[in-house]
Amino acid sequence: MRHPKEARDNLQRLPRPARPPKGPGLPRPMPRQAWRTNAASMLESRVENLSLSAAYFEA
């Protein structure tokens, strides 16, 4: 591996990708915390469904 300073200089030399213009109709991305709680609640409901179906098959 090359010297880290050299690699950093190479990174700075790369052209930055152009960001697409933000249109007015695009939905705002959710903050990270909202994603986390959303995923957690989704998992919880999935686990509930699994335990319910397991109880159904055991009975």
PDB file of N, CA and C in Angstrom:
ATOM      1  N   MET A   1       0.841  -1.190   0.000  1.00  0.00           N
ATOM      2  CA  MET A   1       0.000   0.000   0.000  1.00  0.00           C
ATOM      3  C   MET A   1       0.882   1.247   0.000  1.00  0.00           C
ATOM      4  N   ARG A   2       0.416   2.258  -0.719  1.00  0.00           N
ATOM      5  CA  ARG A   2       1.208   3.473  -0.812  1.00  0.00           C
ATOM      6  C   ARG A   2       1.059   4.327   0.428  1.00  0.00           C
ATOM      7  N   HIS A   3       1.824   5.372   0.466  1.00  0.00           N
ATOM      8  CA  HIS A   3       1.804   6.275   1.607  1.00  0.00           C
ATOM      9  C   HIS A   3       0.418   6.907   1.736  1.00  0.00           C
ATOM     10  N   PRO A   4      -0.120   6.983   2.971  1.00  0.00           N
ATOM     11  CA  PRO A   4      -1.485   7.525   3.110  1.00  0.00           C
ATOM     12  C   PRO A   4      -1.611   8.966   2.611  1.00  0.00           C
ATOM     13  N   LYS A   5      -0.560   9.775   2.786  1.00  0.00           N
ATOM     14  CA  LYS A   5      -0.660  11.171   2.325  1.00  0.00           C
ATOM     15  C   LYS A   5      -0.801  11.198   0.807  1.00  0.00           C
ATOM     16  N   GLU A   6      -0.055  10.304   0.135  1.00  0.00           N
ATOM     17  CA  GLU A   6      -0.141  10.245  -1.314  1.00  0.00           C
ATOM     18  C   GLU A   6      -1.564   9.849  -1.736  1.00  0.00           C
ATOM     19  N   ALA A   7      -2.143   8.866  -1.047  1.00  0.00           N
ATOM     20  CA  ALA A   7      -3.485   8.427  -1.385  1.00  0.00           C
ATOM     21  C   ALA A   7      -4.481   9.569  -1.166  1.00  0.00           C
ATOM     22  N   ARG A   8      -4.280  10.339  -0.088  1.00  0.00           N
ATOM     23  CA  ARG A   8      -5.194  11.440   0.177  1.00  0.00           C
ATOM     24  C   ARG A   8      -5.103  12.490  -0.931  1.00  0.00           C
ATOM     25  N   ASP A   9      -3.872  12.767  -1.388  1.00  0.00           N
ATOM     26  CA  ASP A   9      -3.713  13.729  -2.476  1.00  0.00           C
ATOM     27  C   ASP A   9      -4.417  13.231  -3.735  1.00  0.00           C
ATOM     28  N   ASN A  10      -4.309  11.923  -4.001  1.00  0.00           N
ATOM     29  CA  ASN A  10      -4.987  11.375  -5.174  1.00  0.00           C
ATOM     30  C   ASN A  10      -6.496  11.531  -5.051  1.00  0.00           C
ATOM     31  N   LEU A  11      -7.017  11.316  -3.833  1.00  0.00           N
ATOM     32  CA  LEU A  11      -8.453  11.459  -3.627  1.00  0.00           C
ATOM     33  C   LEU A  11      -8.890  12.890  -3.912  1.00  0.00           C
ATOM     34  N   GLN A  12      -8.102  13.853  -3.438  1.00  0.00           N
ATOM     35  CA  GLN A  12      -8.483  15.248  -3.642  1.00  0.00           C
ATOM     36  C   GLN A  12      -8.402  15.621  -5.115  1.00  0.00           C
ATOM     37  N   ARG A  13      -7.564  14.913  -5.887  1.00  0.00           N
ATOM     38  CA  ARG A  13      -7.429  15.233  -7.302  1.00  0.00           C
ATOM     39  C   ARG A  13      -8.602  14.701  -8.127  1.00  0.00           C
ATOM     40  N   LEU A  14      -9.324  13.717  -7.588  1.00  0.00           N
ATOM     41  CA  LEU A  14     -10.433  13.142  -8.353  1.00  0.00           C
ATOM     42  C   LEU A  14     -11.534  14.185  -8.534  1.00  0.00           C
ATOM     43  N   PRO A  15     -12.201  14.204  -9.701  1.00  0.00           N
ATOM     44  CA  PRO A  15     -13.322  15.135  -9.870  1.00  0.00           C
ATOM     45  C   PRO A  15     -14.517  14.676  -9.037  1.00  0.00           C
ATOM     46  N   ARG A  16     -15.190  15.624  -8.445  1.00  0.00           N
ATOM     47  CA  ARG A  16     -16.364  15.274  -7.635  1.00  0.00           C
ATOM     48  C   ARG A  16     -17.533  14.969  -8.554  1.00  0.00           C
ATOM     49  N   PRO A  17     -18.351  13.963  -8.224  1.00  0.00           N
ATOM     50  CA  PRO A  17     -19.529  13.697  -9.054  1.00  0.00           C
ATOM     51  C   PRO A  17     -20.543  14.824  -8.908  1.00  0.00           C
ATOM     52  N   ALA A  18     -21.168  15.198 -10.010  1.00  0.00           N
ATOM     53  CA  ALA A  18     -22.152  16.283  -9.961  1.00  0.00           C
ATOM     54  C   ALA A  18     -23.412  15.777  -9.270  1.00  0.00           C
ATOM     55  N   ARG A  19     -23.899  16.537  -8.304  1.00  0.00           N
ATOM     56  CA  ARG A  19     -25.125  16.130  -7.609  1.00  0.00           C
ATOM     57  C   ARG A  19     -26.324  16.528  -8.446  1.00  0.00           C
ATOM     58  N   PRO A  20     -27.329  15.668  -8.533  1.00  0.00           N
ATOM     59  CA  PRO A  20     -28.518  16.039  -9.308  1.00  0.00           C
ATOM     60  C   PRO A  20     -29.231  17.211  -8.635  1.00  0.00           C
ATOM     61  N   PRO A  21     -29.848  18.099  -9.404  1.00  0.00           N
ATOM     62  CA  PRO A  21     -30.552  19.235  -8.784  1.00  0.00           C
ATOM     63  C   PRO A  21     -31.737  18.738  -7.971  1.00  0.00           C
ATOM     64  N   LYS A  22     -31.952  19.352  -6.821  1.00  0.00           N
ATOM     65  CA  LYS A  22     -33.050  18.938  -5.947  1.00  0.00           C
ATOM     66  C   LYS A  22     -34.335  19.606  -6.421  1.00  0.00           C
ATOM     67  N   GLY A  23     -35.240  18.801  -6.927  1.00  0.00           N
ATOM     68  CA  GLY A  23     -36.511  19.360  -7.394  1.00  0.00           C
ATOM     69  C   GLY A  23     -37.433  19.651  -6.225  1.00  0.00           C
ATOM     70  N   PRO A  24     -38.463  20.448  -6.444  1.00  0.00           N
ATOM     71  CA  PRO A  24     -39.375  20.772  -5.344  1.00  0.00           C
ATOM     72  C   PRO A  24     -40.261  19.597  -4.946  1.00  0.00           C
ATOM     73  N   GLY A  25     -40.467  18.641  -5.873  1.00  0.00           N
ATOM     74  CA  GLY A  25     -41.406  17.560  -5.590  1.00  0.00           C
ATOM     75  C   GLY A  25     -40.791  16.382  -4.859  1.00  0.00           C
ATOM     76  N   LEU A  26     -39.463  16.414  -4.617  1.00  0.00           N
ATOM     77  CA  LEU A  26     -38.826  15.267  -3.976  1.00  0.00           C
ATOM     78  C   LEU A  26     -39.157  15.234  -2.488  1.00  0.00           C
ATOM     79  N   PRO A  27     -39.485  14.056  -1.934  1.00  0.00           N
ATOM     80  CA  PRO A  27     -39.733  13.976  -0.492  1.00  0.00           C
ATOM     81  C   PRO A  27     -38.428  14.151   0.273  1.00  0.00           C
ATOM     82  N   ARG A  28     -38.502  14.800   1.410  1.00  0.00           N
ATOM     83  CA  ARG A  28     -37.297  14.987   2.220  1.00  0.00           C
ATOM     84  C   ARG A  28     -36.907  13.651   2.827  1.00  0.00           C
ATOM     85  N   PRO A  29     -35.610  13.320   2.839  1.00  0.00           N
ATOM     86  CA  PRO A  29     -35.193  12.055   3.452  1.00  0.00           C
ATOM     87  C   PRO A  29     -35.440  12.091   4.954  1.00  0.00           C
ATOM     88  N   MET A  30     -35.820  10.938   5.478  1.00  0.00           N
ATOM     89  CA  MET A  30     -36.075  10.860   6.920  1.00  0.00           C
ATOM     90  C   MET A  30     -34.775  11.028   7.690  1.00  0.00           C
ATOM     91  N   PRO A  31     -34.823  11.670   8.847  1.00  0.00           N
ATOM     92  CA  PRO A  31     -33.629  11.689   9.694  1.00  0.00           C
ATOM     93  C   PRO A  31     -33.286  10.282  10.158  1.00  0.00           C
ATOM     94  N   ARG A  32     -32.030  10.107  10.548  1.00  0.00           N
ATOM     95  CA  ARG A  32     -31.552   8.759  10.866  1.00  0.00           C
ATOM     96  C   ARG A  32     -32.349   8.128  12.012  1.00  0.00           C
ATOM     97  N   GLN A  33     -32.703   8.941  13.005  1.00  0.00           N
ATOM     98  CA  GLN A  33     -33.425   8.404  14.158  1.00  0.00           C
ATOM     99  C   GLN A  33     -34.775   7.829  13.724  1.00  0.00           C
ATOM    100  N   ALA A  34     -35.442   8.514  12.809  1.00  0.00           N
ATOM    101  CA  ALA A  34     -36.743   8.021  12.351  1.00  0.00           C
ATOM    102  C   ALA A  34     -36.571   6.671  11.657  1.00  0.00           C
ATOM    103  N   TRP A  35     -35.510   6.549  10.839  1.00  0.00           N
ATOM    104  CA  TRP A  35     -35.270   5.262  10.194  1.00  0.00           C
ATOM    105  C   TRP A  35     -35.112   4.170  11.233  1.00  0.00           C
ATOM    106  N   ARG A  36     -34.350   4.484  12.288  1.00  0.00           N
ATOM    107  CA  ARG A  36     -34.061   3.457  13.289  1.00  0.00           C
ATOM    108  C   ARG A  36     -35.361   3.006  13.956  1.00  0.00           C
ATOM    109  N   THR A  37     -36.195   3.963  14.378  1.00  0.00           N
ATOM    110  CA  THR A  37     -37.422   3.582  15.071  1.00  0.00           C
ATOM    111  C   THR A  37     -38.357   2.850  14.111  1.00  0.00           C
ATOM    112  N   ASN A  38     -38.379   3.297  12.851  1.00  0.00           N
ATOM    113  CA  ASN A  38     -39.218   2.644  11.855  1.00  0.00           C
ATOM    114  C   ASN A  38     -38.811   1.187  11.696  1.00  0.00           C
ATOM    115  N   ALA A  39     -37.514   0.946  11.539  1.00  0.00           N
ATOM    116  CA  ALA A  39     -37.029  -0.417  11.353  1.00  0.00           C
ATOM    117  C   ALA A  39     -37.324  -1.248  12.594  1.00  0.00           C
ATOM    118  N   ALA A  40     -37.161  -0.644  13.768  1.00  0.00           N
ATOM    119  CA  ALA A  40     -37.399  -1.391  15.000  1.00  0.00           C
ATOM    120  C   ALA A  40     -38.865  -1.803  15.100  1.00  0.00           C
ATOM    121  N   SER A  41     -39.769  -0.877  14.791  1.00  0.00           N
ATOM    122  CA  SER A  41     -41.188  -1.227  14.906  1.00  0.00           C
ATOM    123  C   SER A  41     -41.565  -2.278  13.859  1.00  0.00           C
ATOM    124  N   MET A  42     -40.955  -2.186  12.668  1.00  0.00           N
ATOM    125  CA  MET A  42     -41.226  -3.182  11.638  1.00  0.00           C
ATOM    126  C   MET A  42     -40.783  -4.561  12.123  1.00  0.00           C
ATOM    127  N   LEU A  43     -39.572  -4.617  12.712  1.00  0.00           N
ATOM    128  CA  LEU A  43     -39.069  -5.890  13.224  1.00  0.00           C
ATOM    129  C   LEU A  43     -39.975  -6.422  14.325  1.00  0.00           C
ATOM    130  N   GLU A  44     -40.404  -5.517  15.209  1.00  0.00           N
ATOM    131  CA  GLU A  44     -41.266  -5.957  16.309  1.00  0.00           C
ATOM    132  C   GLU A  44     -42.544  -6.584  15.777  1.00  0.00           C
ATOM    133  N   SER A  45     -43.167  -5.938  14.811  1.00  0.00           N
ATOM    134  CA  SER A  45     -44.425  -6.491  14.297  1.00  0.00           C
ATOM    135  C   SER A  45     -44.158  -7.830  13.615  1.00  0.00           C
ATOM    136  N   ARG A  46     -43.004  -7.951  12.942  1.00  0.00           N
ATOM    137  CA  ARG A  46     -42.682  -9.217  12.295  1.00  0.00           C
ATOM    138  C   ARG A  46     -42.516 -10.326  13.323  1.00  0.00           C
ATOM    139  N   VAL A  47     -41.841 -10.004  14.427  1.00  0.00           N
ATOM    140  CA  VAL A  47     -41.628 -11.007  15.473  1.00  0.00           C
ATOM    141  C   VAL A  47     -42.963 -11.409  16.083  1.00  0.00           C
ATOM    142  N   GLU A  48     -43.851 -10.415  16.279  1.00  0.00           N
ATOM    143  CA  GLU A  48     -45.172 -10.739  16.817  1.00  0.00           C
ATOM    144  C   GLU A  48     -45.906 -11.691  15.878  1.00  0.00           C
ATOM    145  N   ASN A  49     -45.858 -11.394  14.590  1.00  0.00           N
ATOM    146  CA  ASN A  49     -46.537 -12.266  13.628  1.00  0.00           C
ATOM    147  C   ASN A  49     -45.951 -13.672  13.668  1.00  0.00           C
ATOM    148  N   LEU A  50     -44.633 -13.760  13.775  1.00  0.00           N
ATOM    149  CA  LEU A  50     -44.000 -15.074  13.805  1.00  0.00           C
ATOM    150  C   LEU A  50     -44.442 -15.856  15.028  1.00  0.00           C
ATOM    151  N   SER A  51     -44.443 -15.207  16.202  1.00  0.00           N
ATOM    152  CA  SER A  51     -44.817 -15.937  17.412  1.00  0.00           C
ATOM    153  C   SER A  51     -46.300 -16.338  17.356  1.00  0.00           C
ATOM    154  N   LEU A  52     -47.136 -15.457  16.770  1.00  0.00           N
ATOM    155  CA  LEU A  52     -48.552 -15.805  16.636  1.00  0.00           C
ATOM    156  C   LEU A  52     -48.724 -17.024  15.737  1.00  0.00           C
ATOM    157  N   SER A  53     -48.011 -17.042  14.607  1.00  0.00           N
ATOM    158  CA  SER A  53     -48.167 -18.170  13.694  1.00  0.00           C
ATOM    159  C   SER A  53     -47.584 -19.439  14.324  1.00  0.00           C
ATOM    160  N   ALA A  54     -46.507 -19.300  15.108  1.00  0.00           N
ATOM    161  CA  ALA A  54     -45.949 -20.470  15.769  1.00  0.00           C
ATOM    162  C   ALA A  54     -46.961 -21.038  16.765  1.00  0.00           C
ATOM    163  N   ALA A  55     -47.605 -20.159  17.525  1.00  0.00           N
ATOM    164  CA  ALA A  55     -48.619 -20.623  18.478  1.00  0.00           C
ATOM    165  C   ALA A  55     -49.771 -21.303  17.733  1.00  0.00           C
ATOM    166  N   TYR A  56     -50.126 -20.757  16.587  1.00  0.00           N
ATOM    167  CA  TYR A  56     -51.218 -21.335  15.805  1.00  0.00           C
ATOM    168  C   TYR A  56     -50.867 -22.753  15.349  1.00  0.00           C
ATOM    169  N   PHE A  57     -49.616 -22.935  14.878  1.00  0.00           N
ATOM    170  CA  PHE A  57     -49.243 -24.259  14.377  1.00  0.00           C
ATOM    171  C   PHE A  57     -49.045 -25.249  15.513  1.00  0.00           C
ATOM    172  N   GLU A  58     -48.640 -24.752  16.677  1.00  0.00           N
ATOM    173  CA  GLU A  58     -48.431 -25.688  17.798  1.00  0.00           C
ATOM    174  C   GLU A  58     -49.753 -26.182  18.351  1.00  0.00           C
ATOM    175  N   ALA A  59     -50.781 -25.344  18.311  1.00  0.00           N
ATOM    176  CA  ALA A  59     -52.072 -25.715  18.905  1.00  0.00           C
ATOM    177  C   ALA A  59     -52.750 -26.842  18.123  1.00  0.00           C
TER     178      ALA A  59
END
